């Protein structure tokens, strides 16, 4: 990997760690509103699929070894087995699926490109919420419906707002980053 790729991976792992500290606890559920999801969305929108996956994997690994990068300055393997573990496990997949979907339509008409952003982000959100609900149901021995009411329903509107922010911020940033990547491709010498 090039230094620039490693830097992007590290920067987005750090952005996720910073934004994950912005949390809003809710009294009726062990899950909290976290801006960490916004960082995951931005990672998928801006980076390549490989970089996006690795940035979020680095974030998860840092937290697993005890760095206080998870919401509320928590760290350690115990957090991954706690109520928010189902969400955290999906971060690398969410970032990858968003980036992959966007890259698949990068040469399409502008309207399809914008739709790919929204589709990729919505798919990532579904994966995140689905895993979070199933994990919480398993962990607490409750039904999937009860887990949905506690771990997904209250977070749908905030996550739609995060998707809107990721699209508004991510599209112009991705355009700049993509131009930078294209400029770095060396031209093959003419014979």
N, C-alpha and C. Protein backbone atom coordinates (compact mmCIF):
# COMPACT_ATOMS: atom_id res chain seq x y z
N UNK A 1 0.83 -1.19 0.00
CA UNK A 1 0.00 0.00 0.00
C UNK A 1 0.87 1.24 0.00
N UNK A 2 0.38 2.25 -0.66
CA UNK A 2 1.10 3.51 -0.71
C UNK A 2 0.88 4.28 0.59
N UNK A 3 1.79 5.19 0.87
CA UNK A 3 1.69 6.01 2.08
C UNK A 3 0.39 6.79 2.09
N UNK A 4 -0.02 7.29 0.95
CA UNK A 4 -1.25 8.07 0.88
C UNK A 4 -2.47 7.23 1.25
N UNK A 5 -2.49 5.98 0.80
CA UNK A 5 -3.60 5.08 1.16
C UNK A 5 -3.62 4.82 2.66
N UNK A 6 -2.45 4.53 3.22
CA UNK A 6 -2.36 4.29 4.66
C UNK A 6 -2.79 5.51 5.46
N UNK A 7 -2.42 6.68 4.97
CA UNK A 7 -2.80 7.92 5.65
C UNK A 7 -4.32 8.10 5.63
N UNK A 8 -4.93 7.86 4.49
CA UNK A 8 -6.40 7.98 4.40
C UNK A 8 -7.09 7.01 5.35
N UNK A 9 -6.59 5.79 5.40
CA UNK A 9 -7.16 4.78 6.30
C UNK A 9 -7.04 5.25 7.74
N UNK A 10 -5.87 5.72 8.12
CA UNK A 10 -5.64 6.19 9.50
C UNK A 10 -6.50 7.41 9.82
N UNK A 11 -6.60 8.34 8.88
CA UNK A 11 -7.38 9.56 9.12
C UNK A 11 -8.85 9.21 9.33
N UNK A 12 -9.41 8.32 8.52
CA UNK A 12 -10.82 8.00 8.68
C UNK A 12 -11.08 7.12 9.90
N UNK A 13 -10.11 6.31 10.30
CA UNK A 13 -10.25 5.59 11.58
C UNK A 13 -10.27 6.60 12.72
N UNK A 14 -9.43 7.63 12.64
CA UNK A 14 -9.39 8.67 13.67
C UNK A 14 -10.67 9.51 13.66
N UNK A 15 -11.17 9.84 12.48
CA UNK A 15 -12.43 10.60 12.40
C UNK A 15 -13.56 9.81 13.05
N UNK A 16 -13.59 8.51 12.80
CA UNK A 16 -14.62 7.66 13.41
C UNK A 16 -14.47 7.68 14.93
N UNK A 17 -13.24 7.56 15.41
CA UNK A 17 -13.01 7.57 16.86
C UNK A 17 -13.45 8.89 17.48
N UNK A 18 -13.22 9.99 16.80
CA UNK A 18 -13.62 11.31 17.32
C UNK A 18 -15.13 11.48 17.30
N UNK A 19 -15.76 11.19 16.17
CA UNK A 19 -17.20 11.38 16.07
C UNK A 19 -17.98 10.40 16.95
N UNK A 20 -17.39 9.23 17.22
CA UNK A 20 -18.06 8.24 18.08
C UNK A 20 -18.24 8.76 19.50
N UNK A 21 -17.47 9.76 19.87
CA UNK A 21 -17.58 10.31 21.23
C UNK A 21 -18.77 11.24 21.38
N UNK A 22 -19.35 11.64 20.27
CA UNK A 22 -20.55 12.48 20.32
C UNK A 22 -21.74 11.54 20.41
N UNK A 23 -22.26 11.36 21.62
CA UNK A 23 -23.36 10.42 21.84
C UNK A 23 -24.50 11.11 22.59
N UNK A 24 -25.69 10.58 22.37
CA UNK A 24 -26.87 11.04 23.10
C UNK A 24 -27.51 9.80 23.70
N UNK A 25 -27.35 9.59 25.01
CA UNK A 25 -27.99 8.43 25.64
C UNK A 25 -29.51 8.59 25.67
N UNK A 26 -30.20 7.48 25.51
CA UNK A 26 -31.66 7.48 25.59
C UNK A 26 -32.06 6.66 26.82
N UNK A 27 -32.99 7.14 27.62
CA UNK A 27 -33.32 6.47 28.88
C UNK A 27 -34.02 5.12 28.72
N UNK A 28 -34.62 4.86 27.57
CA UNK A 28 -35.43 3.66 27.42
C UNK A 28 -34.71 2.52 26.68
N UNK A 29 -33.42 2.70 26.39
CA UNK A 29 -32.68 1.67 25.65
C UNK A 29 -31.20 1.73 26.02
N UNK A 30 -30.52 0.57 25.97
CA UNK A 30 -29.07 0.59 26.24
C UNK A 30 -28.26 1.12 25.05
N UNK A 31 -28.92 1.37 23.94
CA UNK A 31 -28.27 1.89 22.74
C UNK A 31 -28.38 3.41 22.78
N UNK A 32 -27.37 4.09 22.25
CA UNK A 32 -27.39 5.55 22.23
C UNK A 32 -27.23 6.06 20.81
N UNK A 33 -27.67 7.28 20.58
CA UNK A 33 -27.46 7.93 19.29
C UNK A 33 -25.98 8.28 19.23
N UNK A 34 -25.32 7.87 18.15
CA UNK A 34 -23.88 8.10 18.01
C UNK A 34 -23.56 8.72 16.66
N UNK A 35 -22.66 9.67 16.67
CA UNK A 35 -22.20 10.26 15.42
C UNK A 35 -21.14 9.39 14.75
N UNK A 36 -20.75 8.29 15.40
CA UNK A 36 -19.82 7.35 14.79
C UNK A 36 -20.35 6.79 13.49
N UNK A 37 -21.67 6.59 13.42
CA UNK A 37 -22.30 6.09 12.19
C UNK A 37 -22.10 7.08 11.05
N UNK A 38 -22.18 8.37 11.35
CA UNK A 38 -21.93 9.39 10.33
C UNK A 38 -20.52 9.23 9.77
N UNK A 39 -19.55 8.98 10.63
CA UNK A 39 -18.17 8.78 10.19
C UNK A 39 -18.06 7.55 9.28
N UNK A 40 -18.80 6.50 9.61
CA UNK A 40 -18.78 5.30 8.77
C UNK A 40 -19.36 5.62 7.40
N UNK A 41 -20.46 6.36 7.38
CA UNK A 41 -21.07 6.75 6.10
C UNK A 41 -20.08 7.58 5.27
N UNK A 42 -19.44 8.55 5.92
CA UNK A 42 -18.48 9.40 5.20
C UNK A 42 -17.30 8.59 4.68
N UNK A 43 -16.86 7.62 5.47
CA UNK A 43 -15.76 6.75 5.05
C UNK A 43 -16.13 6.03 3.76
N UNK A 44 -17.34 5.48 3.71
CA UNK A 44 -17.79 4.77 2.52
C UNK A 44 -17.98 5.67 1.32
N UNK A 45 -18.43 6.89 1.57
CA UNK A 45 -18.68 7.83 0.47
C UNK A 45 -17.37 8.32 -0.13
N UNK A 46 -16.36 8.55 0.68
CA UNK A 46 -15.15 9.23 0.22
C UNK A 46 -14.03 8.27 -0.22
N UNK A 47 -13.84 7.18 0.49
CA UNK A 47 -12.71 6.29 0.19
C UNK A 47 -13.08 5.19 -0.81
N UNK A 48 -12.06 4.51 -1.31
CA UNK A 48 -12.28 3.33 -2.16
C UNK A 48 -12.81 2.21 -1.27
N UNK A 49 -13.43 1.18 -1.86
CA UNK A 49 -13.95 0.09 -1.03
C UNK A 49 -12.91 -0.54 -0.10
N UNK A 50 -11.73 -0.78 -0.62
CA UNK A 50 -10.66 -1.38 0.19
C UNK A 50 -10.26 -0.46 1.33
N UNK A 51 -10.04 0.81 1.03
CA UNK A 51 -9.65 1.77 2.06
C UNK A 51 -10.74 1.94 3.10
N UNK A 52 -11.99 2.00 2.65
CA UNK A 52 -13.12 2.18 3.56
C UNK A 52 -13.22 1.01 4.53
N UNK A 53 -13.12 -0.20 3.99
CA UNK A 53 -13.19 -1.40 4.83
C UNK A 53 -12.06 -1.39 5.86
N UNK A 54 -10.85 -1.12 5.39
CA UNK A 54 -9.70 -1.16 6.30
C UNK A 54 -9.74 -0.05 7.34
N UNK A 55 -10.23 1.12 6.98
CA UNK A 55 -10.32 2.22 7.96
C UNK A 55 -11.22 1.82 9.11
N UNK A 56 -12.36 1.22 8.80
CA UNK A 56 -13.28 0.82 9.87
C UNK A 56 -12.78 -0.41 10.63
N UNK A 57 -12.07 -1.29 9.93
CA UNK A 57 -11.48 -2.44 10.61
C UNK A 57 -10.42 -1.97 11.61
N UNK A 58 -9.61 -1.00 11.22
CA UNK A 58 -8.61 -0.44 12.12
C UNK A 58 -9.29 0.17 13.35
N UNK A 59 -10.39 0.90 13.12
CA UNK A 59 -11.14 1.48 14.23
C UNK A 59 -11.61 0.39 15.21
N UNK A 60 -12.20 -0.68 14.68
CA UNK A 60 -12.70 -1.77 15.52
C UNK A 60 -11.55 -2.43 16.28
N UNK A 61 -10.44 -2.68 15.59
CA UNK A 61 -9.29 -3.33 16.24
C UNK A 61 -8.69 -2.45 17.33
N UNK A 62 -8.62 -1.14 17.08
CA UNK A 62 -8.11 -0.23 18.12
C UNK A 62 -8.99 -0.31 19.36
N UNK A 63 -10.29 -0.32 19.16
CA UNK A 63 -11.20 -0.44 20.30
C UNK A 63 -11.10 -1.79 20.98
N UNK A 64 -10.94 -2.84 20.20
CA UNK A 64 -10.86 -4.20 20.76
C UNK A 64 -9.64 -4.38 21.67
N UNK A 65 -8.54 -3.71 21.34
CA UNK A 65 -7.33 -3.86 22.16
C UNK A 65 -7.32 -2.90 23.36
N UNK A 66 -8.40 -2.13 23.52
CA UNK A 66 -8.51 -1.31 24.72
C UNK A 66 -8.41 0.18 24.54
N UNK A 67 -8.14 0.64 23.34
CA UNK A 67 -8.11 2.09 23.11
C UNK A 67 -9.53 2.64 23.32
N UNK A 68 -9.68 3.77 23.98
CA UNK A 68 -11.02 4.30 24.26
C UNK A 68 -11.63 5.03 23.05
N UNK A 69 -11.87 4.30 21.98
CA UNK A 69 -12.37 4.89 20.74
C UNK A 69 -13.86 4.69 20.53
N UNK A 70 -14.46 3.77 21.28
CA UNK A 70 -15.89 3.54 21.13
C UNK A 70 -16.67 4.62 21.87
N UNK A 71 -17.96 4.72 21.60
CA UNK A 71 -18.80 5.75 22.19
C UNK A 71 -18.64 5.86 23.69
N UNK A 72 -18.57 7.09 24.19
CA UNK A 72 -18.40 7.32 25.61
C UNK A 72 -17.00 7.02 26.11
N UNK A 73 -16.01 7.10 25.22
CA UNK A 73 -14.61 6.83 25.54
C UNK A 73 -14.43 5.43 26.14
N UNK A 74 -15.12 4.46 25.56
CA UNK A 74 -14.99 3.08 26.01
C UNK A 74 -14.07 2.33 25.05
N UNK A 75 -13.49 1.29 25.56
CA UNK A 75 -12.65 0.43 24.74
C UNK A 75 -12.61 -0.96 25.35
N UNK A 76 -12.05 -1.89 24.62
CA UNK A 76 -11.92 -3.25 25.11
C UNK A 76 -12.86 -4.19 24.40
N UNK A 77 -12.51 -5.45 24.46
CA UNK A 77 -13.28 -6.49 23.77
C UNK A 77 -14.69 -6.61 24.35
N UNK A 78 -14.85 -6.24 25.62
CA UNK A 78 -16.17 -6.31 26.26
C UNK A 78 -17.21 -5.45 25.56
N UNK A 79 -16.79 -4.32 25.00
CA UNK A 79 -17.74 -3.44 24.29
C UNK A 79 -18.29 -4.16 23.06
N UNK A 80 -17.43 -4.94 22.41
CA UNK A 80 -17.88 -5.67 21.22
C UNK A 80 -18.87 -6.78 21.55
N UNK A 81 -18.90 -7.18 22.82
CA UNK A 81 -19.86 -8.20 23.25
C UNK A 81 -21.01 -7.58 24.05
N UNK A 82 -21.05 -6.25 24.11
CA UNK A 82 -22.11 -5.54 24.81
C UNK A 82 -23.26 -5.21 23.88
N UNK A 83 -24.19 -4.36 24.33
CA UNK A 83 -25.39 -4.06 23.56
C UNK A 83 -25.13 -3.41 22.20
N UNK A 84 -24.03 -2.67 22.07
CA UNK A 84 -23.75 -2.00 20.79
C UNK A 84 -22.85 -2.83 19.87
N UNK A 85 -22.45 -4.00 20.31
CA UNK A 85 -21.56 -4.84 19.51
C UNK A 85 -22.09 -5.17 18.13
N UNK A 86 -23.38 -5.44 18.03
CA UNK A 86 -23.97 -5.78 16.73
C UNK A 86 -23.78 -4.68 15.71
N UNK A 87 -23.87 -3.44 16.16
CA UNK A 87 -23.65 -2.31 15.26
C UNK A 87 -22.17 -2.22 14.88
N UNK A 88 -21.32 -2.30 15.88
CA UNK A 88 -19.89 -2.10 15.65
C UNK A 88 -19.32 -3.12 14.66
N UNK A 89 -19.77 -4.36 14.75
CA UNK A 89 -19.27 -5.39 13.83
C UNK A 89 -19.54 -5.05 12.38
N UNK A 90 -20.58 -4.29 12.13
CA UNK A 90 -20.96 -4.00 10.75
C UNK A 90 -20.21 -2.82 10.15
N UNK A 91 -19.50 -2.04 10.94
CA UNK A 91 -18.85 -0.83 10.42
C UNK A 91 -18.00 -1.09 9.18
N UNK A 92 -17.09 -2.07 9.18
CA UNK A 92 -16.31 -2.29 7.97
C UNK A 92 -17.17 -2.68 6.76
N UNK A 93 -18.21 -3.49 7.01
CA UNK A 93 -19.08 -3.92 5.92
C UNK A 93 -19.88 -2.73 5.39
N UNK A 94 -20.38 -1.90 6.30
CA UNK A 94 -21.14 -0.71 5.90
C UNK A 94 -20.30 0.20 5.01
N UNK A 95 -19.08 0.47 5.44
CA UNK A 95 -18.20 1.36 4.68
C UNK A 95 -17.90 0.75 3.31
N UNK A 96 -17.62 -0.55 3.28
CA UNK A 96 -17.29 -1.21 2.02
C UNK A 96 -18.49 -1.20 1.06
N UNK A 97 -19.67 -1.57 1.55
CA UNK A 97 -20.84 -1.67 0.67
C UNK A 97 -21.21 -0.30 0.11
N UNK A 98 -21.07 0.74 0.93
CA UNK A 98 -21.37 2.10 0.44
C UNK A 98 -20.40 2.47 -0.67
N UNK A 99 -19.11 2.29 -0.42
CA UNK A 99 -18.10 2.66 -1.40
C UNK A 99 -18.21 1.82 -2.67
N UNK A 100 -18.45 0.53 -2.50
CA UNK A 100 -18.57 -0.37 -3.65
C UNK A 100 -19.74 0.05 -4.54
N UNK A 101 -20.88 0.34 -3.92
CA UNK A 101 -22.07 0.74 -4.67
C UNK A 101 -21.82 2.03 -5.43
N UNK A 102 -21.17 2.98 -4.78
CA UNK A 102 -20.88 4.26 -5.42
C UNK A 102 -19.91 4.08 -6.59
N UNK A 103 -18.87 3.27 -6.38
CA UNK A 103 -17.89 3.06 -7.45
C UNK A 103 -18.48 2.33 -8.64
N UNK A 104 -19.45 1.45 -8.42
CA UNK A 104 -20.09 0.71 -9.52
C UNK A 104 -20.78 1.66 -10.49
N UNK A 105 -21.26 2.79 -9.99
CA UNK A 105 -22.00 3.73 -10.82
C UNK A 105 -21.21 5.01 -11.08
N UNK A 106 -19.90 4.98 -10.87
CA UNK A 106 -19.10 6.20 -11.01
C UNK A 106 -19.05 6.72 -12.45
N UNK A 107 -19.25 5.85 -13.43
CA UNK A 107 -19.23 6.28 -14.84
C UNK A 107 -20.64 6.49 -15.40
N UNK A 108 -21.65 6.37 -14.56
CA UNK A 108 -23.04 6.51 -15.02
C UNK A 108 -23.42 7.98 -15.11
N UNK A 109 -24.63 8.22 -15.59
CA UNK A 109 -25.16 9.58 -15.65
C UNK A 109 -25.23 10.16 -14.24
N UNK A 110 -25.12 11.48 -14.10
CA UNK A 110 -25.12 12.10 -12.77
C UNK A 110 -26.31 11.71 -11.89
N UNK A 111 -27.48 11.56 -12.46
CA UNK A 111 -28.64 11.18 -11.64
C UNK A 111 -28.47 9.79 -11.05
N UNK A 112 -27.88 8.87 -11.82
CA UNK A 112 -27.65 7.52 -11.32
C UNK A 112 -26.53 7.51 -10.29
N UNK A 113 -25.55 8.39 -10.46
CA UNK A 113 -24.49 8.50 -9.47
C UNK A 113 -25.07 8.93 -8.13
N UNK A 114 -25.92 9.95 -8.13
CA UNK A 114 -26.53 10.42 -6.88
C UNK A 114 -27.41 9.34 -6.27
N UNK A 115 -28.12 8.61 -7.10
CA UNK A 115 -28.95 7.52 -6.59
C UNK A 115 -28.08 6.43 -5.97
N UNK A 116 -26.91 6.19 -6.56
CA UNK A 116 -26.02 5.16 -6.00
C UNK A 116 -25.52 5.56 -4.62
N UNK A 117 -25.28 6.86 -4.40
CA UNK A 117 -24.90 7.33 -3.08
C UNK A 117 -25.99 6.98 -2.06
N UNK A 118 -27.21 7.36 -2.39
CA UNK A 118 -28.32 7.14 -1.47
C UNK A 118 -28.58 5.65 -1.27
N UNK A 119 -28.57 4.88 -2.37
CA UNK A 119 -28.80 3.44 -2.26
C UNK A 119 -27.73 2.78 -1.40
N UNK A 120 -26.47 3.10 -1.64
CA UNK A 120 -25.38 2.52 -0.85
C UNK A 120 -25.50 2.84 0.63
N UNK A 121 -25.84 4.08 0.93
CA UNK A 121 -25.99 4.49 2.33
C UNK A 121 -27.20 3.83 2.99
N UNK A 122 -28.31 3.74 2.26
CA UNK A 122 -29.49 3.07 2.82
C UNK A 122 -29.23 1.59 3.06
N UNK A 123 -28.53 0.95 2.13
CA UNK A 123 -28.19 -0.46 2.30
C UNK A 123 -27.28 -0.64 3.53
N UNK A 124 -26.33 0.26 3.69
CA UNK A 124 -25.45 0.21 4.87
C UNK A 124 -26.25 0.37 6.15
N UNK A 125 -27.22 1.29 6.14
CA UNK A 125 -28.04 1.51 7.33
C UNK A 125 -28.87 0.26 7.65
N UNK A 126 -29.42 -0.38 6.63
CA UNK A 126 -30.22 -1.60 6.85
C UNK A 126 -29.35 -2.69 7.46
N UNK A 127 -28.13 -2.85 6.95
CA UNK A 127 -27.22 -3.85 7.48
C UNK A 127 -26.91 -3.56 8.95
N UNK A 128 -26.62 -2.30 9.24
CA UNK A 128 -26.29 -1.89 10.61
C UNK A 128 -27.46 -2.15 11.56
N UNK A 129 -28.64 -1.66 11.19
CA UNK A 129 -29.81 -1.83 12.06
C UNK A 129 -30.18 -3.31 12.21
N UNK A 130 -30.10 -4.05 11.11
CA UNK A 130 -30.43 -5.47 11.18
C UNK A 130 -29.52 -6.22 12.14
N UNK A 131 -28.23 -5.99 12.02
CA UNK A 131 -27.28 -6.66 12.90
C UNK A 131 -27.46 -6.20 14.34
N UNK A 132 -27.70 -4.92 14.54
CA UNK A 132 -27.90 -4.40 15.90
C UNK A 132 -29.12 -5.00 16.57
N UNK A 133 -30.20 -5.13 15.81
CA UNK A 133 -31.44 -5.71 16.35
C UNK A 133 -31.25 -7.18 16.69
N UNK A 134 -30.69 -7.95 15.77
CA UNK A 134 -30.48 -9.38 16.00
C UNK A 134 -29.55 -9.59 17.19
N UNK A 135 -28.48 -8.80 17.26
CA UNK A 135 -27.52 -8.92 18.36
C UNK A 135 -28.19 -8.63 19.71
N UNK A 136 -28.94 -7.54 19.78
CA UNK A 136 -29.59 -7.17 21.04
C UNK A 136 -30.64 -8.20 21.45
N UNK A 137 -31.39 -8.73 20.48
CA UNK A 137 -32.37 -9.78 20.77
C UNK A 137 -31.68 -11.01 21.36
N UNK A 138 -30.58 -11.41 20.74
CA UNK A 138 -29.82 -12.56 21.23
C UNK A 138 -29.24 -12.30 22.62
N UNK A 139 -28.65 -11.14 22.79
CA UNK A 139 -27.97 -10.80 24.05
C UNK A 139 -28.94 -10.73 25.22
N UNK A 140 -30.12 -10.17 25.01
CA UNK A 140 -31.08 -9.97 26.10
C UNK A 140 -32.19 -11.01 26.15
N UNK A 141 -32.18 -11.95 25.21
CA UNK A 141 -33.21 -12.99 25.21
C UNK A 141 -34.60 -12.43 24.97
N UNK A 142 -34.70 -11.45 24.09
CA UNK A 142 -36.00 -10.86 23.76
C UNK A 142 -36.33 -11.16 22.30
N UNK A 143 -37.54 -10.85 21.90
CA UNK A 143 -37.92 -11.09 20.51
C UNK A 143 -37.26 -10.05 19.60
N UNK A 144 -37.20 -10.39 18.33
CA UNK A 144 -36.63 -9.46 17.35
C UNK A 144 -37.47 -8.19 17.29
N UNK A 145 -38.77 -8.33 17.42
CA UNK A 145 -39.65 -7.15 17.41
C UNK A 145 -39.34 -6.23 18.59
N UNK A 146 -39.19 -6.80 19.78
CA UNK A 146 -38.85 -5.99 20.96
C UNK A 146 -37.49 -5.32 20.77
N UNK A 147 -36.55 -6.06 20.21
CA UNK A 147 -35.22 -5.48 19.96
C UNK A 147 -35.31 -4.37 18.91
N UNK A 148 -36.16 -4.55 17.90
CA UNK A 148 -36.35 -3.51 16.90
C UNK A 148 -36.87 -2.23 17.54
N UNK A 149 -37.85 -2.37 18.43
CA UNK A 149 -38.41 -1.19 19.10
C UNK A 149 -37.38 -0.48 19.97
N UNK A 150 -36.45 -1.24 20.55
CA UNK A 150 -35.44 -0.64 21.43
C UNK A 150 -34.19 -0.20 20.69
N UNK A 151 -33.82 -0.93 19.66
CA UNK A 151 -32.50 -0.72 19.06
C UNK A 151 -32.51 -0.18 17.64
N UNK A 152 -33.68 -0.03 17.04
CA UNK A 152 -33.71 0.46 15.67
C UNK A 152 -34.70 1.60 15.48
N UNK A 153 -35.95 1.38 15.86
CA UNK A 153 -36.99 2.37 15.61
C UNK A 153 -36.63 3.79 16.07
N UNK A 154 -36.07 3.96 17.29
CA UNK A 154 -35.75 5.33 17.72
C UNK A 154 -34.61 5.97 16.93
N UNK A 155 -33.88 5.17 16.19
CA UNK A 155 -32.67 5.66 15.53
C UNK A 155 -32.83 5.83 14.02
N UNK A 156 -34.01 5.51 13.50
CA UNK A 156 -34.21 5.61 12.05
C UNK A 156 -34.14 7.06 11.57
N UNK A 157 -34.87 7.95 12.20
CA UNK A 157 -34.84 9.36 11.78
C UNK A 157 -33.45 9.96 11.92
N UNK A 158 -32.77 9.78 13.07
CA UNK A 158 -31.40 10.32 13.15
C UNK A 158 -30.48 9.75 12.07
N UNK A 159 -30.65 8.48 11.74
CA UNK A 159 -29.78 7.89 10.72
C UNK A 159 -30.11 8.42 9.32
N UNK A 160 -31.37 8.71 9.05
CA UNK A 160 -31.71 9.33 7.77
C UNK A 160 -31.08 10.71 7.68
N UNK A 161 -31.06 11.44 8.78
CA UNK A 161 -30.41 12.76 8.80
C UNK A 161 -28.90 12.62 8.58
N UNK A 162 -28.30 11.60 9.17
CA UNK A 162 -26.86 11.37 8.98
C UNK A 162 -26.57 11.02 7.51
N UNK A 163 -27.46 10.27 6.89
CA UNK A 163 -27.29 9.96 5.47
C UNK A 163 -27.35 11.24 4.65
N UNK A 164 -28.28 12.12 4.96
CA UNK A 164 -28.38 13.40 4.24
C UNK A 164 -27.10 14.21 4.38
N UNK A 165 -26.56 14.26 5.59
CA UNK A 165 -25.30 14.98 5.81
C UNK A 165 -24.16 14.31 5.04
N UNK A 166 -24.11 12.99 5.07
CA UNK A 166 -23.04 12.27 4.36
C UNK A 166 -23.10 12.54 2.86
N UNK A 167 -24.30 12.63 2.31
CA UNK A 167 -24.43 12.94 0.88
C UNK A 167 -24.00 14.37 0.60
N UNK A 168 -24.46 15.33 1.42
CA UNK A 168 -24.13 16.74 1.19
C UNK A 168 -22.64 17.02 1.35
N UNK A 169 -22.02 16.41 2.34
CA UNK A 169 -20.59 16.63 2.58
C UNK A 169 -19.75 15.72 1.69
N UNK A 170 -20.19 14.48 1.57
CA UNK A 170 -19.38 13.48 0.89
C UNK A 170 -19.22 13.64 -0.60
N UNK A 171 -20.28 14.08 -1.29
CA UNK A 171 -20.20 14.20 -2.75
C UNK A 171 -19.11 15.17 -3.17
N UNK A 172 -19.07 16.40 -2.63
CA UNK A 172 -17.99 17.30 -3.06
C UNK A 172 -16.60 16.84 -2.64
N UNK A 173 -16.50 16.25 -1.45
CA UNK A 173 -15.19 15.76 -0.99
C UNK A 173 -14.73 14.60 -1.85
N UNK A 174 -15.65 13.68 -2.17
CA UNK A 174 -15.30 12.54 -3.03
C UNK A 174 -14.83 13.03 -4.40
N UNK A 175 -15.47 14.06 -4.93
CA UNK A 175 -15.07 14.59 -6.23
C UNK A 175 -13.63 15.09 -6.18
N UNK A 176 -13.26 15.77 -5.10
CA UNK A 176 -11.88 16.27 -4.95
C UNK A 176 -10.89 15.12 -4.79
N UNK A 177 -11.25 14.14 -3.95
CA UNK A 177 -10.36 13.00 -3.70
C UNK A 177 -10.19 12.19 -4.97
N UNK A 178 -11.27 11.98 -5.71
CA UNK A 178 -11.21 11.20 -6.95
C UNK A 178 -10.33 11.91 -7.98
N UNK A 179 -10.45 13.24 -8.07
CA UNK A 179 -9.57 13.98 -8.98
C UNK A 179 -8.11 13.79 -8.59
N UNK A 180 -7.84 13.82 -7.29
CA UNK A 180 -6.47 13.62 -6.81
C UNK A 180 -5.95 12.24 -7.15
N UNK A 181 -6.81 11.23 -7.06
CA UNK A 181 -6.39 9.87 -7.40
C UNK A 181 -6.10 9.76 -8.89
N UNK A 182 -6.91 10.42 -9.73
CA UNK A 182 -6.71 10.35 -11.18
C UNK A 182 -5.43 11.05 -11.59
N UNK A 183 -5.09 12.14 -10.92
CA UNK A 183 -3.87 12.88 -11.25
C UNK A 183 -2.61 12.07 -10.91
N UNK A 184 -2.72 11.20 -9.94
CA UNK A 184 -1.55 10.45 -9.51
C UNK A 184 -1.24 9.24 -10.38
N UNK A 185 -2.17 8.84 -11.23
CA UNK A 185 -1.94 7.68 -12.10
C UNK A 185 -0.91 8.09 -13.15
N UNK A 186 0.26 7.42 -13.12
CA UNK A 186 1.28 7.81 -14.10
C UNK A 186 0.88 7.37 -15.50
N UNK A 187 1.17 8.24 -16.43
CA UNK A 187 0.85 7.91 -17.82
C UNK A 187 1.90 6.95 -18.35
N UNK A 188 1.46 6.02 -19.18
CA UNK A 188 2.39 5.06 -19.76
C UNK A 188 3.14 5.75 -20.89
N UNK A 189 4.43 5.53 -20.97
CA UNK A 189 5.21 6.20 -22.02
C UNK A 189 4.81 5.71 -23.40
N UNK A 190 4.80 6.63 -24.34
CA UNK A 190 4.48 6.29 -25.73
C UNK A 190 5.73 5.69 -26.38
N UNK A 191 5.50 4.66 -27.17
CA UNK A 191 6.65 4.05 -27.86
C UNK A 191 6.72 4.50 -29.28
